[in-house]
Amino acid sequence: AAMADLELTGAFGAYDRTRFLTQGLVQPAGIQLRVVEMPPTDIFHRMCNHQEFDLSEMSMGAHCFLLGAGGSPFVGMPAFPSRAFRHSMVYANAEARVEKAADLNGKRVAIREWGMTAVVWIVGILAEEYGLDFRSVEWVAAIRPRVPIQLPAGMKLTYMKPGQTLSALLESGEVEGALAHQVPACFAKGSPRVKRLFPDYKAAEIEYYRRTGIHPPMHCVVLRRALHERHPWALRNLYQAMAEARRRTLEALWDTGAYAAMLPFLPSALEETRAVFGENFWPYGLQANRKTLEKLVLYAHQQGLTPRLLEVEELFGESVREG
């Protein structure tokens, strides 16, 4: 790298869509980027508490919270290293007479943490599309929110006692439902006492996507604001490198000579994905994600993460808003 290059450190999960940056095969113009890989929750903790990295992936829930609170230390870019439908997260106790999301109204539902992005999305989706009244639910969380969220008026939230787990509460029927982004142990071992509310969650997710056009992003990428103010050109160059890394990842996935991912039916999975979403099935950029991001800021506001409804444009620095 040239002597004058800006030296930055970034942090991402161990993903195919960031691997070209990690390996230095894609270089942002004018920047010498060193990437460290670690679990996203560690990244968020270290970034939100100590701004330890120059740039990193960031929980979209936390990003919204910080922007809403004012004086966020970060400027975002519309690159989404993690996105996921969350219909598979919705579990119920088999004896609780819960057949659909609306049956959880007035019941107890376990979660990991109020305000985590996966919960923001699935609560918002269940409320808007499937009849959940989240204010009527008695939420039981494993941990306190990592940011000081002002809970919506009338919302009931309690915390698990030491030794209690989401899986045990769900299996015993102490809670009637659970929203869990990692498969609960009781379900993984095949307990007859628990079930998914969307047993064929893939079909439910495709139906939801075809109806709404929404494929929920979980994480975006942020740059430290202090750096952005000193080097306003860097954001755009970093974003372009993220987009190039994503483009090369797609190219690698479509290579049927030797599969880039350890999936025996990779080519047919890609073809099926393209049939549902079209060519651009993991879009970066504000315009391609506008409808989706409008839902995110709406749900974040409804669930108390932001005191006002954010504008989608606020999520990203000016130089990367056109894309």
C-alpha atoms as a PDB file:
ATOM      1  CA  ALA A   1       0.000   0.000   0.000  1.00  0.00           C
ATOM      2  CA  ALA A   2       1.099   3.574  -0.667  1.00  0.00           C
ATOM      3  CA  MET A   3       2.665   5.501   2.227  1.00  0.00           C
ATOM      4  CA  ALA A   4      -0.231   7.950   2.308  1.00  0.00           C
ATOM      5  CA  ASP A   5      -2.949   5.286   2.599  1.00  0.00           C
ATOM      6  CA  LEU A   6      -5.253   5.614   5.571  1.00  0.00           C
ATOM      7  CA  GLU A   7      -4.732   2.595   7.868  1.00  0.00           C
ATOM      8  CA  LEU A   8      -8.021   1.290   9.266  1.00  0.00           C
ATOM      9  CA  THR A   9      -9.132  -1.766  11.207  1.00  0.00           C
ATOM     10  CA  GLY A  10     -12.520  -3.350  10.555  1.00  0.00           C
ATOM     11  CA  ALA A  11     -14.372  -6.150  12.352  1.00  0.00           C
ATOM     12  CA  PHE A  12     -16.822  -8.615  10.802  1.00  0.00           C
ATOM     13  CA  GLY A  13     -18.170 -12.076  11.382  1.00  0.00           C
ATOM     14  CA  ALA A  14     -16.596 -14.941   9.433  1.00  0.00           C
ATOM     15  CA  TYR A  15     -18.720 -14.434   6.310  1.00  0.00           C
ATOM     16  CA  ASP A  16     -18.269 -15.224   2.640  1.00  0.00           C
ATOM     17  CA  ARG A  17     -19.486 -11.699   1.718  1.00  0.00           C
ATOM     18  CA  THR A  18     -16.684 -10.039   3.686  1.00  0.00           C
ATOM     19  CA  ARG A  19     -13.967 -12.664   3.105  1.00  0.00           C
ATOM     20  CA  PHE A  20     -12.511 -10.833   0.065  1.00  0.00           C
ATOM     21  CA  LEU A  21     -11.860  -7.841   2.352  1.00  0.00           C
ATOM     22  CA  THR A  22     -10.501 -10.037   5.155  1.00  0.00           C
ATOM     23  CA  GLN A  23      -8.060 -11.665   2.743  1.00  0.00           C
ATOM     24  CA  GLY A  24      -7.065  -8.320   1.236  1.00  0.00           C
ATOM     25  CA  LEU A  25      -8.226  -9.416  -2.234  1.00  0.00           C
ATOM     26  CA  VAL A  26     -10.519  -6.380  -2.413  1.00  0.00           C
ATOM     27  CA  GLN A  27      -8.917  -3.132  -1.234  1.00  0.00           C
ATOM     28  CA  PRO A  28     -10.813   0.126  -0.662  1.00  0.00           C
ATOM     29  CA  ALA A  29      -9.178   2.957  -2.669  1.00  0.00           C
ATOM     30  CA  GLY A  30      -6.743   4.980  -0.566  1.00  0.00           C
ATOM     31  CA  ILE A  31      -7.178   2.744   2.482  1.00  0.00           C
ATOM     32  CA  GLN A  32      -5.083  -0.026   3.940  1.00  0.00           C
ATOM     33  CA  LEU A  33      -7.767  -2.120   5.624  1.00  0.00           C
ATOM     34  CA  ARG A  34      -6.995  -4.795   8.194  1.00  0.00           C
ATOM     35  CA  VAL A  35      -9.976  -6.984   9.026  1.00  0.00           C
ATOM     36  CA  VAL A  36     -10.443  -9.048  12.189  1.00  0.00           C
ATOM     37  CA  GLU A  37     -13.115 -11.738  12.357  1.00  0.00           C
ATOM     38  CA  MET A  38     -15.074 -12.415  15.548  1.00  0.00           C
ATOM     39  CA  PRO A  39     -18.662 -13.203  16.574  1.00  0.00           C
ATOM     40  CA  PRO A  40     -20.988 -10.242  15.843  1.00  0.00           C
ATOM     41  CA  THR A  41     -22.209  -9.935  19.452  1.00  0.00           C
ATOM     42  CA  ASP A  42     -18.582  -9.400  20.571  1.00  0.00           C
ATOM     43  CA  ILE A  43     -18.102  -6.813  17.825  1.00  0.00           C
ATOM     44  CA  PHE A  44     -21.222  -4.875  18.867  1.00  0.00           C
ATOM     45  CA  HIS A  45     -20.210  -4.912  22.521  1.00  0.00           C
ATOM     46  CA  ARG A  46     -16.660  -3.732  21.842  1.00  0.00           C
ATOM     47  CA  MET A  47     -17.769  -1.166  19.281  1.00  0.00           C
ATOM     48  CA  CYS A  48     -20.673   0.331  21.269  1.00  0.00           C
ATOM     49  CA  ASN A  49     -18.753   0.488  24.552  1.00  0.00           C
ATOM     50  CA  HIS A  50     -15.219   1.318  23.415  1.00  0.00           C
ATOM     51  CA  GLN A  51     -15.420   2.173  19.681  1.00  0.00           C
ATOM     52  CA  GLU A  52     -12.600  -0.326  19.423  1.00  0.00           C
ATOM     53  CA  PHE A  53     -12.594  -0.633  15.618  1.00  0.00           C
ATOM     54  CA  ASP A  54     -12.585   2.019  12.902  1.00  0.00           C
ATOM     55  CA  LEU A  55     -15.423   0.279  11.103  1.00  0.00           C
ATOM     56  CA  SER A  56     -17.469  -2.837  11.725  1.00  0.00           C
ATOM     57  CA  GLU A  57     -20.739  -4.530  11.117  1.00  0.00           C
ATOM     58  CA  MET A  58     -23.375  -3.200  13.515  1.00  0.00           C
ATOM     59  CA  SER A  59     -26.693  -4.389  14.874  1.00  0.00           C
ATOM     60  CA  MET A  60     -29.366  -2.369  13.078  1.00  0.00           C
ATOM     61  CA  GLY A  61     -31.369  -2.163  16.315  1.00  0.00           C
ATOM     62  CA  ALA A  62     -28.389  -0.615  18.130  1.00  0.00           C
ATOM     63  CA  HIS A  63     -27.660   1.680  15.175  1.00  0.00           C
ATOM     64  CA  CYS A  64     -31.265   2.962  15.234  1.00  0.00           C
ATOM     65  CA  PHE A  65     -31.153   3.396  19.009  1.00  0.00           C
ATOM     66  CA  LEU A  66     -27.935   5.450  18.886  1.00  0.00           C
ATOM     67  CA  LEU A  67     -29.250   7.667  16.081  1.00  0.00           C
ATOM     68  CA  GLY A  68     -32.537   8.217  17.911  1.00  0.00           C
ATOM     69  CA  ALA A  69     -30.733   9.060  21.154  1.00  0.00           C
ATOM     70  CA  GLY A  70     -28.702  11.731  19.299  1.00  0.00           C
ATOM     71  CA  GLY A  71     -24.942  12.105  19.027  1.00  0.00           C
ATOM     72  CA  SER A  72     -24.345   8.615  17.628  1.00  0.00           C
ATOM     73  CA  PRO A  73     -20.604   7.860  17.417  1.00  0.00           C
ATOM     74  CA  PHE A  74     -21.197   6.110  14.072  1.00  0.00           C
ATOM     75  CA  VAL A  75     -22.009   6.843  10.442  1.00  0.00           C
ATOM     76  CA  GLY A  76     -23.622   3.977   8.543  1.00  0.00           C
ATOM     77  CA  MET A  77     -23.349   2.535   5.061  1.00  0.00           C
ATOM     78  CA  PRO A  78     -26.064   0.476   3.313  1.00  0.00           C
ATOM     79  CA  ALA A  79     -24.064  -2.760   3.179  1.00  0.00           C
ATOM     80  CA  PHE A  80     -25.822  -5.597   5.010  1.00  0.00           C
ATOM     81  CA  PRO A  81     -23.487  -8.443   6.051  1.00  0.00           C
ATOM     82  CA  SER A  82     -26.366 -10.242   7.783  1.00  0.00           C
ATOM     83  CA  ARG A  83     -29.967 -10.551   6.717  1.00  0.00           C
ATOM     84  CA  ALA A  84     -32.512 -13.199   7.626  1.00  0.00           C
ATOM     85  CA  PHE A  85     -36.182 -13.967   7.621  1.00  0.00           C
ATOM     86  CA  ARG A  86     -37.215 -14.791  11.176  1.00  0.00           C
ATOM     87  CA  HIS A  87     -40.403 -16.857  10.886  1.00  0.00           C
ATOM     88  CA  SER A  88     -38.417 -19.865  12.134  1.00  0.00           C
ATOM     89  CA  MET A  89     -37.929 -18.063  15.498  1.00  0.00           C
ATOM     90  CA  VAL A  90     -41.546 -18.426  16.631  1.00  0.00           C
ATOM     91  CA  TYR A  91     -42.074 -21.334  19.051  1.00  0.00           C
ATOM     92  CA  ALA A  92     -44.939 -22.386  21.283  1.00  0.00           C
ATOM     93  CA  ASN A  93     -45.546 -24.888  24.037  1.00  0.00           C
ATOM     94  CA  ALA A  94     -47.542 -27.738  22.494  1.00  0.00           C
ATOM     95  CA  GLU A  95     -50.050 -27.877  25.395  1.00  0.00           C
ATOM     96  CA  ALA A  96     -50.704 -24.127  25.447  1.00  0.00           C
ATOM     97  CA  ARG A  97     -53.404 -24.116  22.709  1.00  0.00           C
ATOM     98  CA  VAL A  98     -51.415 -21.688  20.581  1.00  0.00           C
ATOM     99  CA  GLU A  99     -52.042 -22.268  16.880  1.00  0.00           C
ATOM    100  CA  LYS A 100     -51.169 -18.845  15.434  1.00  0.00           C
ATOM    101  CA  ALA A 101     -49.345 -15.681  16.447  1.00  0.00           C
ATOM    102  CA  ALA A 102     -52.527 -13.943  17.652  1.00  0.00           C
ATOM    103  CA  ASP A 103     -52.994 -16.772  20.195  1.00  0.00           C
ATOM    104  CA  LEU A 104     -49.927 -15.405  22.033  1.00  0.00           C
ATOM    105  CA  ASN A 105     -51.845 -12.215  22.922  1.00  0.00           C
ATOM    106  CA  GLY A 106     -52.141 -11.938  26.710  1.00  0.00           C
ATOM    107  CA  LYS A 107     -49.736 -14.871  27.174  1.00  0.00           C
ATOM    108  CA  ARG A 108     -46.136 -15.175  28.390  1.00  0.00           C
ATOM    109  CA  VAL A 109     -43.451 -15.211  25.712  1.00  0.00           C
ATOM    110  CA  ALA A 110     -39.711 -15.720  26.327  1.00  0.00           C
ATOM    111  CA  ILE A 111     -37.031 -13.817  24.384  1.00  0.00           C
ATOM    112  CA  ARG A 112     -33.304 -13.301  24.720  1.00  0.00           C
ATOM    113  CA  GLU A 113     -33.313  -9.500  24.763  1.00  0.00           C
ATOM    114  CA  TRP A 114     -35.815  -6.754  23.927  1.00  0.00           C
ATOM    115  CA  GLY A 115     -34.386  -4.518  21.201  1.00  0.00           C
ATOM    116  CA  MET A 116     -32.071  -7.054  19.545  1.00  0.00           C
ATOM    117  CA  THR A 117     -32.580  -6.758  15.791  1.00  0.00           C
ATOM    118  CA  ALA A 118     -33.981 -10.258  15.231  1.00  0.00           C
ATOM    119  CA  VAL A 119     -36.625  -9.604  17.920  1.00  0.00           C
ATOM    120  CA  VAL A 120     -37.404  -6.124  16.528  1.00  0.00           C
ATOM    121  CA  TRP A 121     -38.087  -7.687  13.134  1.00  0.00           C
ATOM    122  CA  ILE A 122     -40.123 -10.715  14.169  1.00  0.00           C
ATOM    123  CA  VAL A 123     -42.219  -8.770  16.719  1.00  0.00           C
ATOM    124  CA  GLY A 124     -42.869  -6.087  14.093  1.00  0.00           C
ATOM    125  CA  ILE A 125     -43.760  -8.645  11.436  1.00  0.00           C
ATOM    126  CA  LEU A 126     -46.028 -10.669  13.757  1.00  0.00           C
ATOM    127  CA  ALA A 127     -47.775  -7.466  14.850  1.00  0.00           C
ATOM    128  CA  GLU A 128     -48.253  -6.046  11.367  1.00  0.00           C
ATOM    129  CA  GLU A 129     -48.948  -9.235   9.419  1.00  0.00           C
ATOM    130  CA  TYR A 130     -50.158 -11.945  11.813  1.00  0.00           C
ATOM    131  CA  GLY A 131     -52.287 -10.305  14.533  1.00  0.00           C
ATOM    132  CA  LEU A 132     -49.884 -10.168  17.476  1.00  0.00           C
ATOM    133  CA  ASP A 133     -50.618  -7.408  20.012  1.00  0.00           C
ATOM    134  CA  PHE A 134     -47.173  -7.148  21.569  1.00  0.00           C
ATOM    135  CA  ARG A 135     -48.330  -4.784  24.326  1.00  0.00           C
ATOM    136  CA  SER A 136     -50.687  -7.472  25.654  1.00  0.00           C
ATOM    137  CA  VAL A 137     -47.894 -10.044  25.915  1.00  0.00           C
ATOM    138  CA  GLU A 138     -45.989 -10.650  29.132  1.00  0.00           C
ATOM    139  CA  TRP A 139     -42.413 -10.745  27.817  1.00  0.00           C
ATOM    140  CA  VAL A 140     -39.801 -12.710  29.754  1.00  0.00           C
ATOM    141  CA  ALA A 141     -36.254 -11.786  28.722  1.00  0.00           C
ATOM    142  CA  ALA A 142     -33.007 -13.645  29.439  1.00  0.00           C
ATOM    143  CA  ILE A 143     -30.924 -10.464  29.623  1.00  0.00           C
ATOM    144  CA  ARG A 144     -31.517  -6.737  29.989  1.00  0.00           C
ATOM    145  CA  PRO A 145     -31.324  -4.632  26.825  1.00  0.00           C
ATOM    146  CA  ARG A 146     -27.699  -3.659  26.069  1.00  0.00           C
ATOM    147  CA  VAL A 147     -28.933  -0.091  25.507  1.00  0.00           C
ATOM    148  CA  PRO A 148     -31.275   1.897  27.820  1.00  0.00           C
ATOM    149  CA  ILE A 149     -34.511   1.445  25.839  1.00  0.00           C
ATOM    150  CA  GLN A 150     -37.586   3.385  26.932  1.00  0.00           C
ATOM    151  CA  LEU A 151     -40.208   0.622  26.809  1.00  0.00           C
ATOM    152  CA  PRO A 152     -43.532   1.416  25.103  1.00  0.00           C
ATOM    153  CA  ALA A 153     -46.304   2.512  27.488  1.00  0.00           C
ATOM    154  CA  GLY A 154     -48.141  -0.403  29.063  1.00  0.00           C
ATOM    155  CA  MET A 155     -45.640  -3.021  27.947  1.00  0.00           C
ATOM    156  CA  LYS A 156     -44.895  -5.842  30.384  1.00  0.00           C
ATOM    157  CA  LEU A 157     -41.301  -7.074  30.556  1.00  0.00           C
ATOM    158  CA  THR A 158     -39.798  -9.229  33.295  1.00  0.00           C
ATOM    159  CA  TYR A 159     -36.489 -11.093  33.488  1.00  0.00           C
ATOM    160  CA  MET A 160     -35.609 -14.726  33.955  1.00  0.00           C
ATOM    161  CA  LYS A 161     -34.318 -15.719  37.367  1.00  0.00           C
ATOM    162  CA  PRO A 162     -30.784 -17.133  37.695  1.00  0.00           C
ATOM    163  CA  GLY A 163     -30.747 -20.673  36.352  1.00  0.00           C
ATOM    164  CA  GLN A 164     -33.834 -20.226  34.177  1.00  0.00           C
ATOM    165  CA  THR A 165     -33.442 -20.688  30.420  1.00  0.00           C
ATOM    166  CA  LEU A 166     -35.679 -19.944  27.472  1.00  0.00           C
ATOM    167  CA  SER A 167     -35.664 -23.632  26.537  1.00  0.00           C
ATOM    168  CA  ALA A 168     -36.674 -24.881  30.006  1.00  0.00           C
ATOM    169  CA  LEU A 169     -39.412 -22.258  30.425  1.00  0.00           C
ATOM    170  CA  LEU A 170     -40.855 -23.123  27.019  1.00  0.00           C
ATOM    171  CA  GLU A 171     -40.739 -26.887  27.498  1.00  0.00           C
ATOM    172  CA  SER A 172     -42.269 -26.745  30.987  1.00  0.00           C
ATOM    173  CA  GLY A 173     -45.068 -24.432  29.818  1.00  0.00           C
ATOM    174  CA  GLU A 174     -44.070 -21.652  32.255  1.00  0.00           C
ATOM    175  CA  VAL A 175     -44.160 -19.539  29.097  1.00  0.00           C
ATOM    176  CA  GLU A 176     -46.604 -20.295  26.293  1.00  0.00           C
ATOM    177  CA  GLY A 177     -44.335 -19.048  23.529  1.00  0.00           C
ATOM    178  CA  ALA A 178     -40.781 -18.027  22.682  1.00  0.00           C
ATOM    179  CA  LEU A 179     -38.959 -16.044  20.011  1.00  0.00           C
ATOM    180  CA  ALA A 180     -35.496 -17.543  19.644  1.00  0.00           C
ATOM    181  CA  HIS A 181     -32.959 -16.899  16.889  1.00  0.00           C
ATOM    182  CA  GLN A 182     -30.924 -19.933  17.972  1.00  0.00           C
ATOM    183  CA  VAL A 183     -32.935 -23.168  17.994  1.00  0.00           C
ATOM    184  CA  PRO A 184     -33.910 -23.887  21.652  1.00  0.00           C
ATOM    185  CA  ALA A 185     -32.296 -27.015  23.110  1.00  0.00           C
ATOM    186  CA  CYS A 186     -35.695 -28.596  23.811  1.00  0.00           C
ATOM    187  CA  PHE A 187     -36.732 -28.259  20.153  1.00  0.00           C
ATOM    188  CA  ALA A 188     -33.338 -29.429  18.863  1.00  0.00           C
ATOM    189  CA  LYS A 189     -33.623 -32.656  20.877  1.00  0.00           C
ATOM    190  CA  GLY A 190     -37.129 -33.271  19.485  1.00  0.00           C
ATOM    191  CA  SER A 191     -39.204 -32.619  22.612  1.00  0.00           C
ATOM    192  CA  PRO A 192     -42.904 -33.319  21.900  1.00  0.00           C
ATOM    193  CA  ARG A 193     -43.792 -30.455  24.244  1.00  0.00           C
ATOM    194  CA  VAL A 194     -42.663 -27.698  21.856  1.00  0.00           C
ATOM    195  CA  LYS A 195     -43.459 -26.729  18.280  1.00  0.00           C
ATOM    196  CA  ARG A 196     -42.851 -24.037  15.698  1.00  0.00           C
ATOM    197  CA  LEU A 197     -45.766 -21.734  14.863  1.00  0.00           C
ATOM    198  CA  PHE A 198     -44.566 -21.768  11.242  1.00  0.00           C
ATOM    199  CA  PRO A 199     -43.614 -25.450  10.873  1.00  0.00           C
ATOM    200  CA  ASP A 200     -42.916 -24.904   7.165  1.00  0.00           C
ATOM    201  CA  TYR A 201     -41.158 -21.627   7.855  1.00  0.00           C
ATOM    202  CA  LYS A 202     -39.510 -21.546   4.437  1.00  0.00           C
ATOM    203  CA  ALA A 203     -42.909 -21.505   2.694  1.00  0.00           C
ATOM    204  CA  ALA A 204     -44.126 -18.835   5.159  1.00  0.00           C
ATOM    205  CA  GLU A 205     -41.033 -16.711   4.478  1.00  0.00           C
ATOM    206  CA  ILE A 206     -41.429 -16.985   0.691  1.00  0.00           C
ATOM    207  CA  GLU A 207     -45.125 -16.067   0.981  1.00  0.00           C
ATOM    208  CA  TYR A 208     -44.251 -13.114   3.210  1.00  0.00           C
ATOM    209  CA  TYR A 209     -41.537 -11.948   0.819  1.00  0.00           C
ATOM    210  CA  ARG A 210     -43.752 -12.261  -2.274  1.00  0.00           C
ATOM    211  CA  ARG A 211     -46.470 -10.281  -0.516  1.00  0.00           C
ATOM    212  CA  THR A 212     -44.308  -7.530   1.002  1.00  0.00           C
ATOM    213  CA  GLY A 213     -40.995  -7.445  -0.884  1.00  0.00           C
ATOM    214  CA  ILE A 214     -39.190  -7.369   2.480  1.00  0.00           C
ATOM    215  CA  HIS A 215     -36.034  -9.398   3.227  1.00  0.00           C
ATOM    216  CA  PRO A 216     -34.994  -8.179   6.700  1.00  0.00           C
ATOM    217  CA  PRO A 217     -31.429  -6.899   7.187  1.00  0.00           C
ATOM    218  CA  MET A 218     -29.981  -7.620  10.638  1.00  0.00           C
ATOM    219  CA  HIS A 219     -26.636  -5.777  10.458  1.00  0.00           C
ATOM    220  CA  CYS A 220     -25.307  -2.816   8.500  1.00  0.00           C
ATOM    221  CA  VAL A 221     -21.742  -1.438   8.487  1.00  0.00           C
ATOM    222  CA  VAL A 222     -20.638   1.638  10.452  1.00  0.00           C
ATOM    223  CA  LEU A 223     -17.592   3.884  10.477  1.00  0.00           C
ATOM    224  CA  ARG A 224     -16.541   5.911  13.516  1.00  0.00           C
ATOM    225  CA  ARG A 225     -17.979   9.416  13.123  1.00  0.00           C
ATOM    226  CA  ALA A 226     -14.749  11.098  14.296  1.00  0.00           C
ATOM    227  CA  LEU A 227     -12.914   9.370  11.447  1.00  0.00           C
ATOM    228  CA  HIS A 228     -15.652  10.257   8.992  1.00  0.00           C
ATOM    229  CA  GLU A 229     -15.341  13.915   9.917  1.00  0.00           C
ATOM    230  CA  ARG A 230     -11.544  13.856   9.404  1.00  0.00           C
ATOM    231  CA  HIS A 231     -11.666  11.817   6.157  1.00  0.00           C
ATOM    232  CA  PRO A 232     -15.093  12.357   4.564  1.00  0.00           C
ATOM    233  CA  TRP A 233     -14.021  10.515   1.367  1.00  0.00           C
ATOM    234  CA  ALA A 234     -13.376   7.224   3.169  1.00  0.00           C
ATOM    235  CA  LEU A 235     -17.013   6.186   3.714  1.00  0.00           C
ATOM    236  CA  ARG A 236     -17.782   5.943   0.017  1.00  0.00           C
ATOM    237  CA  ASN A 237     -14.570   4.052  -0.788  1.00  0.00           C
ATOM    238  CA  LEU A 238     -15.246   1.556   2.011  1.00  0.00           C
ATOM    239  CA  TYR A 239     -18.825   1.109   0.837  1.00  0.00           C
ATOM    240  CA  GLN A 240     -17.686   0.502  -2.746  1.00  0.00           C
ATOM    241  CA  ALA A 241     -15.243  -2.133  -1.470  1.00  0.00           C
ATOM    242  CA  MET A 242     -18.043  -3.843   0.516  1.00  0.00           C
ATOM    243  CA  ALA A 243     -20.159  -3.903  -2.657  1.00  0.00           C
ATOM    244  CA  GLU A 244     -17.270  -5.306  -4.721  1.00  0.00           C
ATOM    245  CA  ALA A 245     -16.630  -8.036  -2.109  1.00  0.00           C
ATOM    246  CA  ARG A 246     -20.315  -8.967  -2.279  1.00  0.00           C
ATOM    247  CA  ARG A 247     -20.212  -9.046  -6.107  1.00  0.00           C
ATOM    248  CA  ARG A 248     -17.218 -11.406  -6.074  1.00  0.00           C
ATOM    249  CA  THR A 249     -18.927 -13.614  -3.499  1.00  0.00           C
ATOM    250  CA  LEU A 250     -21.940 -14.026  -5.804  1.00  0.00           C
ATOM    251  CA  GLU A 251     -19.612 -14.835  -8.674  1.00  0.00           C
ATOM    252  CA  ALA A 252     -17.898 -17.518  -6.567  1.00  0.00           C
ATOM    253  CA  LEU A 253     -21.228 -19.020  -5.464  1.00  0.00           C
ATOM    254  CA  TRP A 254     -22.378 -19.361  -9.085  1.00  0.00           C
ATOM    255  CA  ASP A 255     -19.192 -21.193 -10.072  1.00  0.00           C
ATOM    256  CA  THR A 256     -20.401 -24.757 -10.614  1.00  0.00           C
ATOM    257  CA  GLY A 257     -16.879 -26.101 -11.221  1.00  0.00           C
ATOM    258  CA  ALA A 258     -15.976 -26.287  -7.532  1.00  0.00           C
ATOM    259  CA  TYR A 259     -18.576 -25.159  -4.990  1.00  0.00           C
ATOM    260  CA  ALA A 260     -17.687 -22.134  -2.838  1.00  0.00           C
ATOM    261  CA  ALA A 261     -19.945 -23.302   0.027  1.00  0.00           C
ATOM    262  CA  MET A 262     -20.191 -26.723   1.643  1.00  0.00           C
ATOM    263  CA  LEU A 263     -23.718 -27.392   0.342  1.00  0.00           C
ATOM    264  CA  PRO A 264     -24.284 -30.491  -1.812  1.00  0.00           C
ATOM    265  CA  PHE A 265     -27.186 -28.856  -3.691  1.00  0.00           C
ATOM    266  CA  LEU A 266     -25.661 -25.392  -3.970  1.00  0.00           C
ATOM    267  CA  PRO A 267     -26.501 -24.796  -7.682  1.00  0.00           C
ATOM    268  CA  SER A 268     -30.171 -25.728  -7.277  1.00  0.00           C
ATOM    269  CA  ALA A 269     -30.409 -23.692  -4.057  1.00  0.00           C
ATOM    270  CA  LEU A 270     -29.072 -20.673  -5.960  1.00  0.00           C
ATOM    271  CA  GLU A 271     -31.482 -21.220  -8.823  1.00  0.00           C
ATOM    272  CA  GLU A 272     -34.396 -21.499  -6.418  1.00  0.00           C
ATOM    273  CA  THR A 273     -33.226 -18.337  -4.637  1.00  0.00           C
ATOM    274  CA  ARG A 274     -33.044 -16.484  -7.949  1.00  0.00           C
ATOM    275  CA  ALA A 275     -36.557 -17.665  -8.847  1.00  0.00           C
ATOM    276  CA  VAL A 276     -37.924 -16.078  -5.640  1.00  0.00           C
ATOM    277  CA  PHE A 277     -35.829 -12.891  -5.426  1.00  0.00           C
ATOM    278  CA  GLY A 278     -34.456 -12.275  -8.903  1.00  0.00           C
ATOM    279  CA  GLU A 279     -30.755 -11.731  -9.699  1.00  0.00           C
ATOM    280  CA  ASN A 280     -30.042  -9.323  -6.845  1.00  0.00           C
ATOM    281  CA  PHE A 281     -31.026 -11.508  -3.897  1.00  0.00           C
ATOM    282  CA  TRP A 282     -28.846  -9.835  -1.253  1.00  0.00           C
ATOM    283  CA  PRO A 283     -29.103  -6.148  -2.174  1.00  0.00           C
ATOM    284  CA  TYR A 284     -26.849  -3.394  -0.860  1.00  0.00           C
ATOM    285  CA  GLY A 285     -27.741   0.278  -1.306  1.00  0.00           C
ATOM    286  CA  LEU A 286     -30.470   2.513   0.091  1.00  0.00           C
ATOM    287  CA  GLN A 287     -32.877   2.493  -2.861  1.00  0.00           C
ATOM    288  CA  ALA A 288     -32.953  -1.288  -3.269  1.00  0.00           C
ATOM    289  CA  ASN A 289     -33.733  -1.606   0.452  1.00  0.00           C
ATOM    290  CA  ARG A 290     -35.884   1.481   1.027  1.00  0.00           C
ATOM    291  CA  LYS A 291     -39.193  -0.317   1.699  1.00  0.00           C
ATOM    292  CA  THR A 292     -37.473  -2.735   4.031  1.00  0.00           C
ATOM    293  CA  LEU A 293     -35.641   0.007   5.944  1.00  0.00           C
ATOM    294  CA  GLU A 294     -38.885   1.977   6.309  1.00  0.00           C
ATOM    295  CA  LYS A 295     -40.341  -1.042   8.119  1.00  0.00           C
ATOM    296  CA  LEU A 296     -37.264  -1.325  10.321  1.00  0.00           C
ATOM    297  CA  VAL A 297     -37.396   2.303  11.500  1.00  0.00           C
ATOM    298  CA  LEU A 298     -41.160   1.958  12.055  1.00  0.00           C
ATOM    299  CA  TYR A 299     -40.797  -1.206  14.160  1.00  0.00           C
ATOM    300  CA  ALA A 300     -37.843   0.298  16.083  1.00  0.00           C
ATOM    301  CA  HIS A 301     -40.005   3.300  16.978  1.00  0.00           C
ATOM    302  CA  GLN A 302     -43.081   1.203  17.880  1.00  0.00           C
ATOM    303  CA  GLN A 303     -40.956  -0.977  20.171  1.00  0.00           C
ATOM    304  CA  GLY A 304     -39.330   1.907  22.035  1.00  0.00           C
ATOM    305  CA  LEU A 305     -35.845   1.833  20.484  1.00  0.00           C
ATOM    306  CA  THR A 306     -36.188   5.368  19.117  1.00  0.00           C
ATOM    307  CA  PRO A 307     -38.093   8.311  20.647  1.00  0.00           C
ATOM    308  CA  ARG A 308     -39.127   9.462  17.153  1.00  0.00           C
ATOM    309  CA  LEU A 309     -39.565   7.860  13.753  1.00  0.00           C
ATOM    310  CA  LEU A 310     -36.161   7.995  12.021  1.00  0.00           C
ATOM    311  CA  GLU A 311     -35.840   8.910   8.353  1.00  0.00           C
ATOM    312  CA  VAL A 312     -34.294   6.086   6.334  1.00  0.00           C
ATOM    313  CA  GLU A 313     -31.664   8.544   5.024  1.00  0.00           C
ATOM    314  CA  GLU A 314     -30.365   9.145   8.571  1.00  0.00           C
ATOM    315  CA  LEU A 315     -29.138   5.563   8.760  1.00  0.00           C
ATOM    316  CA  PHE A 316     -26.361   6.267   6.248  1.00  0.00           C
ATOM    317  CA  GLY A 317     -23.801   8.989   5.556  1.00  0.00           C
ATOM    318  CA  GLU A 318     -24.588  11.401   2.761  1.00  0.00           C
ATOM    319  CA  SER A 319     -21.953  10.114   0.318  1.00  0.00           C
ATOM    320  CA  VAL A 320     -23.485   6.598   0.226  1.00  0.00           C
ATOM    321  CA  ARG A 321     -27.190   7.488   0.054  1.00  0.00           C
ATOM    322  CA  GLU A 322     -27.655   7.498  -3.733  1.00  0.00           C
ATOM    323  CA  GLY A 323     -26.574   3.878  -4.195  1.00  0.00           C
END
